[in-house]
Amino acid sequence: MRLRSFANEDIYFYVKRIDNTRVMREADPKAGGNLLEAYRFSGCGRRASGLGPAAERLRPARGYQIQSLRQDAQRLVGEQSSLELDEARLLSPARMEELARMQAVY
């Protein structure tokens, strides 16, 4: 007894894994504003909705958190530039020649 074949059984689909971990989202010029403006806008909505004092107590803490994150970002940018400078110095052709000479001696 012969079995009937499946439709399109001769087609092979290859699944390719995509790594988007290094992709950064571009800023949308149409969106406008920044996080601080959005935060201020949302604060107006809380006052109007009646959350009032309870929600307002959170506002200064968020300001400190935003400032702390900005300082961390500046520190990390400084660290990154320092590490890039170290990498360039370590991978310079002059240093590579020096390491080659040292290995040739041994």
N, C-alpha and C. Protein backbone atom coordinates (compact mmCIF):
# COMPACT_ATOMS: atom_id res chain seq x y z
N MET A 1 0.83 -1.18 0.00
CA MET A 1 0.00 0.00 0.00
C MET A 1 0.87 1.25 0.00
N ARG A 2 0.60 2.16 -0.88
CA ARG A 2 1.40 3.37 -1.03
C ARG A 2 0.74 4.53 -0.29
N LEU A 3 1.57 5.32 0.47
CA LEU A 3 1.04 6.47 1.22
C LEU A 3 0.98 7.70 0.33
N ARG A 4 0.00 8.49 0.58
CA ARG A 4 -0.15 9.74 -0.16
C ARG A 4 0.87 10.76 0.35
N SER A 5 1.50 11.54 -0.51
CA SER A 5 2.50 12.52 -0.09
C SER A 5 1.82 13.76 0.49
N PHE A 6 2.58 14.46 1.33
CA PHE A 6 2.09 15.71 1.91
C PHE A 6 2.30 16.84 0.92
N ALA A 7 1.45 17.85 1.00
CA ALA A 7 1.60 19.00 0.12
C ALA A 7 2.88 19.76 0.48
N ASN A 8 3.65 20.12 -0.50
CA ASN A 8 4.89 20.91 -0.34
C ASN A 8 5.91 20.24 0.56
N GLU A 9 5.96 18.92 0.59
CA GLU A 9 6.93 18.25 1.44
C GLU A 9 8.36 18.37 0.91
N ASP A 10 8.52 18.80 -0.32
CA ASP A 10 9.85 18.95 -0.90
C ASP A 10 10.43 20.34 -0.60
N ILE A 11 9.70 21.20 0.10
CA ILE A 11 10.17 22.55 0.42
C ILE A 11 10.80 22.52 1.81
N TYR A 12 12.00 23.10 1.94
CA TYR A 12 12.72 23.17 3.19
C TYR A 12 12.83 24.62 3.63
N PHE A 13 12.42 24.91 4.85
CA PHE A 13 12.51 26.26 5.39
C PHE A 13 13.67 26.32 6.38
N TYR A 14 14.57 27.26 6.14
CA TYR A 14 15.72 27.44 7.01
C TYR A 14 15.40 28.58 7.98
N VAL A 15 15.62 28.36 9.26
CA VAL A 15 15.37 29.38 10.28
C VAL A 15 16.70 29.99 10.67
N LYS A 16 16.83 31.26 10.45
CA LYS A 16 18.07 31.96 10.78
C LYS A 16 17.86 32.73 12.08
N ARG A 17 18.74 32.54 13.03
CA ARG A 17 18.67 33.26 14.30
C ARG A 17 19.20 34.67 14.08
N ILE A 18 18.50 35.64 14.60
CA ILE A 18 18.89 37.04 14.47
C ILE A 18 19.25 37.58 15.84
N ASP A 19 20.42 38.19 15.94
CA ASP A 19 20.90 38.75 17.20
C ASP A 19 20.76 40.28 17.15
N ASN A 20 19.80 40.81 17.87
CA ASN A 20 19.57 42.26 17.89
C ASN A 20 20.05 42.89 19.19
N THR A 21 20.96 42.24 19.90
CA THR A 21 21.39 42.78 21.20
C THR A 21 22.20 44.06 21.05
N ARG A 22 22.87 44.25 19.90
CA ARG A 22 23.70 45.45 19.73
C ARG A 22 22.98 46.54 18.94
N VAL A 23 21.72 46.34 18.62
CA VAL A 23 20.96 47.33 17.85
C VAL A 23 20.39 48.37 18.81
N MET A 24 20.59 49.64 18.49
CA MET A 24 20.07 50.72 19.33
C MET A 24 18.95 51.43 18.58
N ARG A 25 17.91 51.78 19.29
CA ARG A 25 16.79 52.47 18.68
C ARG A 25 17.16 53.92 18.42
N GLU A 26 16.82 54.40 17.23
CA GLU A 26 17.09 55.79 16.88
C GLU A 26 16.01 56.67 17.48
N ALA A 27 16.38 57.92 17.78
CA ALA A 27 15.41 58.87 18.31
C ALA A 27 14.41 59.22 17.22
N ASP A 28 13.15 59.27 17.59
CA ASP A 28 12.10 59.60 16.64
C ASP A 28 11.88 61.11 16.67
N PRO A 29 12.23 61.84 15.59
CA PRO A 29 12.08 63.29 15.60
C PRO A 29 10.62 63.72 15.68
N LYS A 30 9.71 62.88 15.23
CA LYS A 30 8.30 63.23 15.29
C LYS A 30 7.73 63.11 16.70
N ALA A 31 8.36 62.27 17.53
CA ALA A 31 7.86 62.07 18.88
C ALA A 31 8.04 63.34 19.70
N GLY A 32 9.16 64.04 19.50
CA GLY A 32 9.41 65.29 20.20
C GLY A 32 9.53 65.10 21.70
N GLY A 33 10.04 66.15 22.36
CA GLY A 33 10.13 66.13 23.81
C GLY A 33 11.14 65.13 24.33
N ASN A 34 11.22 65.09 25.63
CA ASN A 34 12.10 64.14 26.26
C ASN A 34 11.41 63.54 27.48
N LEU A 35 12.12 62.77 28.24
CA LEU A 35 11.54 62.07 29.38
C LEU A 35 11.04 63.06 30.42
N LEU A 36 11.79 64.14 30.64
CA LEU A 36 11.40 65.10 31.65
C LEU A 36 10.08 65.77 31.29
N GLU A 37 9.89 66.11 30.03
CA GLU A 37 8.63 66.72 29.60
C GLU A 37 7.48 65.73 29.77
N ALA A 38 7.71 64.47 29.44
CA ALA A 38 6.67 63.46 29.62
C ALA A 38 6.33 63.30 31.09
N TYR A 39 7.34 63.37 31.95
CA TYR A 39 7.12 63.25 33.39
C TYR A 39 6.29 64.42 33.90
N ARG A 40 6.61 65.62 33.46
CA ARG A 40 5.83 66.79 33.88
C ARG A 40 4.39 66.68 33.41
N PHE A 41 4.21 66.21 32.19
CA PHE A 41 2.86 66.06 31.65
C PHE A 41 2.08 65.04 32.46
N SER A 42 2.72 63.93 32.83
CA SER A 42 2.02 62.91 33.61
C SER A 42 1.70 63.43 35.00
N GLY A 43 2.53 64.32 35.55
CA GLY A 43 2.26 64.92 36.86
C GLY A 43 0.99 65.74 36.85
N CYS A 44 0.71 66.43 35.76
CA CYS A 44 -0.52 67.21 35.64
C CYS A 44 -1.71 66.28 35.67
N GLY A 45 -1.62 65.14 35.05
CA GLY A 45 -2.71 64.18 35.03
C GLY A 45 -2.98 63.60 36.41
N ARG A 46 -1.94 63.38 37.21
CA ARG A 46 -2.13 62.86 38.56
C ARG A 46 -2.86 63.86 39.42
N ARG A 47 -2.47 65.12 39.32
CA ARG A 47 -3.13 66.14 40.13
C ARG A 47 -4.60 66.24 39.75
N ALA A 48 -4.87 66.16 38.47
CA ALA A 48 -6.26 66.28 38.02
C ALA A 48 -7.07 65.04 38.39
N SER A 49 -6.42 63.90 38.51
CA SER A 49 -7.17 62.68 38.80
C SER A 49 -7.45 62.50 40.28
N GLY A 50 -6.89 63.33 41.13
CA GLY A 50 -7.20 63.25 42.55
C GLY A 50 -6.20 62.46 43.36
N LEU A 51 -5.10 62.02 42.77
CA LEU A 51 -4.09 61.30 43.54
C LEU A 51 -3.36 62.24 44.48
N GLY A 52 -3.23 63.45 44.07
CA GLY A 52 -2.71 64.55 44.87
C GLY A 52 -1.46 64.29 45.67
N PRO A 53 -1.50 64.53 46.99
CA PRO A 53 -0.29 64.53 47.83
C PRO A 53 0.46 63.20 47.84
N ALA A 54 -0.25 62.10 47.80
CA ALA A 54 0.44 60.80 47.84
C ALA A 54 1.36 60.64 46.63
N ALA A 55 0.88 61.03 45.47
CA ALA A 55 1.69 60.91 44.25
C ALA A 55 2.76 61.99 44.20
N GLU A 56 2.47 63.16 44.76
CA GLU A 56 3.44 64.26 44.73
C GLU A 56 4.66 63.96 45.59
N ARG A 57 4.51 63.13 46.62
CA ARG A 57 5.66 62.78 47.45
C ARG A 57 6.70 62.00 46.66
N LEU A 58 6.29 61.31 45.62
CA LEU A 58 7.21 60.53 44.79
C LEU A 58 8.00 61.40 43.83
N ARG A 59 7.50 62.56 43.54
CA ARG A 59 8.11 63.41 42.51
C ARG A 59 9.56 63.79 42.80
N PRO A 60 9.90 64.29 44.01
CA PRO A 60 11.32 64.64 44.25
C PRO A 60 12.24 63.43 44.14
N ALA A 61 11.79 62.28 44.59
CA ALA A 61 12.64 61.08 44.51
C ALA A 61 12.95 60.75 43.06
N ARG A 62 11.99 60.91 42.18
CA ARG A 62 12.22 60.65 40.76
C ARG A 62 13.23 61.63 40.19
N GLY A 63 13.16 62.88 40.62
CA GLY A 63 14.12 63.89 40.15
C GLY A 63 15.54 63.51 40.54
N TYR A 64 15.72 63.06 41.79
CA TYR A 64 17.04 62.62 42.23
C TYR A 64 17.50 61.40 41.45
N GLN A 65 16.56 60.51 41.18
CA GLN A 65 16.91 59.30 40.43
C GLN A 65 17.35 59.66 39.01
N ILE A 66 16.65 60.58 38.38
CA ILE A 66 17.02 61.00 37.02
C ILE A 66 18.39 61.64 37.04
N GLN A 67 18.65 62.51 38.03
CA GLN A 67 19.96 63.17 38.12
C GLN A 67 21.06 62.14 38.36
N SER A 68 20.78 61.16 39.21
CA SER A 68 21.76 60.11 39.48
C SER A 68 22.06 59.31 38.21
N LEU A 69 21.02 59.01 37.44
CA LEU A 69 21.23 58.27 36.20
C LEU A 69 22.01 59.08 35.19
N ARG A 70 21.78 60.39 35.15
CA ARG A 70 22.56 61.24 34.24
C ARG A 70 24.04 61.24 34.64
N GLN A 71 24.32 61.32 35.95
CA GLN A 71 25.71 61.28 36.41
C GLN A 71 26.35 59.94 36.08
N ASP A 72 25.60 58.85 36.27
CA ASP A 72 26.13 57.53 35.93
C ASP A 72 26.44 57.44 34.43
N ALA A 73 25.56 58.00 33.62
CA ALA A 73 25.78 57.98 32.17
C ALA A 73 27.05 58.74 31.81
N GLN A 74 27.25 59.92 32.42
CA GLN A 74 28.47 60.69 32.16
C GLN A 74 29.70 59.93 32.61
N ARG A 75 29.62 59.29 33.77
CA ARG A 75 30.76 58.52 34.28
C ARG A 75 31.08 57.37 33.33
N LEU A 76 30.05 56.68 32.85
CA LEU A 76 30.27 55.55 31.95
C LEU A 76 30.83 56.00 30.60
N VAL A 77 30.41 57.16 30.11
CA VAL A 77 30.98 57.69 28.86
C VAL A 77 32.47 57.98 29.07
N GLY A 78 32.83 58.56 30.22
CA GLY A 78 34.24 58.80 30.53
C GLY A 78 35.03 57.51 30.61
N GLU A 79 34.45 56.50 31.27
CA GLU A 79 35.12 55.20 31.37
C GLU A 79 35.31 54.58 30.00
N GLN A 80 34.29 54.68 29.17
CA GLN A 80 34.38 54.09 27.83
C GLN A 80 35.48 54.75 27.02
N SER A 81 35.56 56.08 27.08
CA SER A 81 36.61 56.75 26.31
C SER A 81 38.00 56.39 26.85
N SER A 82 38.11 56.25 28.17
CA SER A 82 39.38 55.84 28.77
C SER A 82 39.77 54.43 28.31
N LEU A 83 38.79 53.52 28.30
CA LEU A 83 39.07 52.15 27.87
C LEU A 83 39.42 52.09 26.38
N GLU A 84 38.75 52.90 25.58
CA GLU A 84 39.07 52.94 24.15
C GLU A 84 40.49 53.46 23.93
N LEU A 85 40.91 54.45 24.72
CA LEU A 85 42.27 54.97 24.63
C LEU A 85 43.28 53.89 25.01
N ASP A 86 42.99 53.16 26.10
CA ASP A 86 43.88 52.07 26.52
C ASP A 86 43.97 50.99 25.43
N GLU A 87 42.82 50.66 24.85
CA GLU A 87 42.81 49.64 23.79
C GLU A 87 43.64 50.09 22.59
N ALA A 88 43.50 51.35 22.20
CA ALA A 88 44.27 51.86 21.07
C ALA A 88 45.76 51.83 21.37
N ARG A 89 46.12 52.18 22.61
CA ARG A 89 47.53 52.17 23.00
C ARG A 89 48.07 50.74 22.98
N LEU A 90 47.29 49.78 23.50
CA LEU A 90 47.76 48.39 23.57
C LEU A 90 47.83 47.73 22.20
N LEU A 91 47.00 48.17 21.27
CA LEU A 91 46.98 47.55 19.95
C LEU A 91 47.76 48.35 18.91
N SER A 92 48.52 49.32 19.36
CA SER A 92 49.27 50.14 18.42
C SER A 92 50.35 49.31 17.73
N PRO A 93 50.67 49.65 16.48
CA PRO A 93 51.70 48.89 15.75
C PRO A 93 53.07 48.91 16.46
N ALA A 94 53.41 50.02 17.09
CA ALA A 94 54.70 50.10 17.78
C ALA A 94 54.76 49.09 18.92
N ARG A 95 53.70 48.97 19.68
CA ARG A 95 53.67 48.02 20.79
C ARG A 95 53.68 46.58 20.26
N MET A 96 53.00 46.34 19.15
CA MET A 96 53.00 45.00 18.57
C MET A 96 54.40 44.61 18.12
N GLU A 97 55.13 45.56 17.54
CA GLU A 97 56.52 45.28 17.14
C GLU A 97 57.39 44.99 18.35
N GLU A 98 57.18 45.75 19.43
CA GLU A 98 57.94 45.55 20.65
C GLU A 98 57.67 44.15 21.23
N LEU A 99 56.40 43.73 21.26
CA LEU A 99 56.07 42.40 21.75
C LEU A 99 56.66 41.31 20.86
N ALA A 100 56.68 41.54 19.56
CA ALA A 100 57.26 40.57 18.63
C ALA A 100 58.75 40.44 18.89
N ARG A 101 59.43 41.57 19.11
CA ARG A 101 60.87 41.52 19.41
C ARG A 101 61.13 40.79 20.70
N MET A 102 60.27 41.01 21.72
CA MET A 102 60.45 40.34 23.00
C MET A 102 60.27 38.83 22.86
N GLN A 103 59.31 38.40 22.04
CA GLN A 103 59.09 36.97 21.84
C GLN A 103 60.23 36.35 21.02
N ALA A 104 60.78 37.13 20.11
CA ALA A 104 61.89 36.61 19.30
C ALA A 104 63.13 36.36 20.13
N VAL A 105 63.33 37.16 21.18
CA VAL A 105 64.48 37.01 22.05
C VAL A 105 64.37 35.72 22.84
N TYR A 106 63.16 35.39 23.28
CA TYR A 106 62.98 34.19 24.10
C TYR A 106 62.87 33.02 23.20
